[in-house]
């Protein structure tokens, strides 16, 4: 494996965040599972939860196991460009 490519991939992952929009079947169970992942879901959330994480969560298995009805995963990347130096 190319060491340089791995380094670039590591830097990109630091600038990547995932936003999840989830239609939850069992809200309390989902909250507990997310808590184990280090993500807090507010008590005021309804069956549609929105959360962000730097980790890519396995929503497909949550859906297959009946924990969620549906989900969307949005990758949010942050790019920084130097526009001026003095």
Protein backbone atom coordinates (compact mmCIF):
# COMPACT_ATOMS: atom_id res chain seq x y z
CA UNK A 1 0.00 0.00 0.00
CA UNK A 2 1.24 3.49 -0.82
CA UNK A 3 2.21 5.25 2.42
CA UNK A 4 1.63 8.68 0.92
CA UNK A 5 -1.91 7.78 -0.17
CA UNK A 6 -2.64 6.45 3.33
CA UNK A 7 -1.48 9.72 4.87
CA UNK A 8 -3.74 11.70 2.54
CA UNK A 9 -6.69 9.44 3.40
CA UNK A 10 -6.05 9.99 7.15
CA UNK A 11 -6.06 13.76 6.67
CA UNK A 12 -9.26 13.60 4.64
CA UNK A 13 -10.98 11.57 7.37
CA UNK A 14 -10.19 14.30 9.89
CA UNK A 15 -12.06 16.78 7.70
CA UNK A 16 -15.04 14.48 7.11
CA UNK A 17 -18.17 14.31 9.18
CA UNK A 18 -21.33 12.31 8.59
CA UNK A 19 -24.81 13.68 9.09
CA UNK A 20 -27.56 11.13 9.63
CA UNK A 21 -31.29 11.62 9.20
CA UNK A 22 -33.06 8.60 10.62
CA UNK A 23 -36.70 7.50 10.84
CA UNK A 24 -36.48 5.45 14.03
CA UNK A 25 -38.66 2.47 14.91
CA UNK A 26 -37.66 2.11 18.56
CA UNK A 27 -36.52 5.50 19.77
CA UNK A 28 -35.39 4.46 23.27
CA UNK A 29 -33.46 1.47 21.92
CA UNK A 30 -31.92 3.63 19.21
CA UNK A 31 -30.89 6.20 21.84
CA UNK A 32 -29.18 3.46 23.85
CA UNK A 33 -27.32 2.09 20.82
CA UNK A 34 -26.18 5.59 19.83
CA UNK A 35 -25.09 6.27 23.41
CA UNK A 36 -22.79 3.22 23.14
CA UNK A 37 -21.33 4.85 20.00
CA UNK A 38 -20.69 8.04 21.98
CA UNK A 39 -23.58 9.97 20.40
CA UNK A 40 -26.34 11.53 22.49
CA UNK A 41 -29.84 11.76 21.05
CA UNK A 42 -31.89 14.45 22.84
CA UNK A 43 -34.90 13.27 24.84
CA UNK A 44 -37.02 15.71 22.82
CA UNK A 45 -36.32 13.86 19.56
CA UNK A 46 -39.33 12.42 17.80
CA UNK A 47 -39.20 9.32 15.55
CA UNK A 48 -37.14 11.39 13.07
CA UNK A 49 -33.69 11.89 14.56
CA UNK A 50 -30.86 13.97 13.14
CA UNK A 51 -27.32 13.42 14.35
CA UNK A 52 -23.72 13.95 13.31
CA UNK A 53 -20.62 11.86 13.86
CA UNK A 54 -17.06 11.62 12.63
CA UNK A 55 -17.65 7.84 12.44
CA UNK A 56 -19.46 6.09 9.62
CA UNK A 57 -22.20 4.17 11.41
CA UNK A 58 -23.60 0.91 10.02
CA UNK A 59 -27.15 2.12 9.44
CA UNK A 60 -27.78 -0.71 6.99
CA UNK A 61 -27.52 -3.30 9.77
CA UNK A 62 -29.72 -1.16 12.04
CA UNK A 63 -32.37 -1.19 9.33
CA UNK A 64 -31.99 -4.93 8.71
CA UNK A 65 -32.37 -5.56 12.46
CA UNK A 66 -35.54 -3.46 12.59
CA UNK A 67 -34.15 -0.61 14.66
CA UNK A 68 -34.84 2.05 12.00
CA UNK A 69 -37.40 2.40 9.21
CA UNK A 70 -35.20 4.43 6.88
CA UNK A 71 -32.11 6.61 6.90
CA UNK A 72 -30.00 9.05 4.90
CA UNK A 73 -26.27 9.50 5.33
CA UNK A 74 -24.74 12.77 4.17
CA UNK A 75 -20.97 13.11 3.98
CA UNK A 76 -19.90 16.61 4.94
CA UNK A 77 -16.34 17.56 4.03
CA UNK A 78 -14.50 20.66 5.02
CA UNK A 79 -11.98 22.06 2.60
CA UNK A 80 -9.61 24.81 3.53
CA UNK A 81 -7.84 26.89 0.93
CA UNK A 82 -5.22 29.52 1.64
CA UNK A 83 -6.48 32.60 -0.17
CA UNK A 84 -3.90 35.10 0.97
CA UNK A 85 -0.60 35.18 2.78
CA UNK A 86 1.42 38.19 3.74
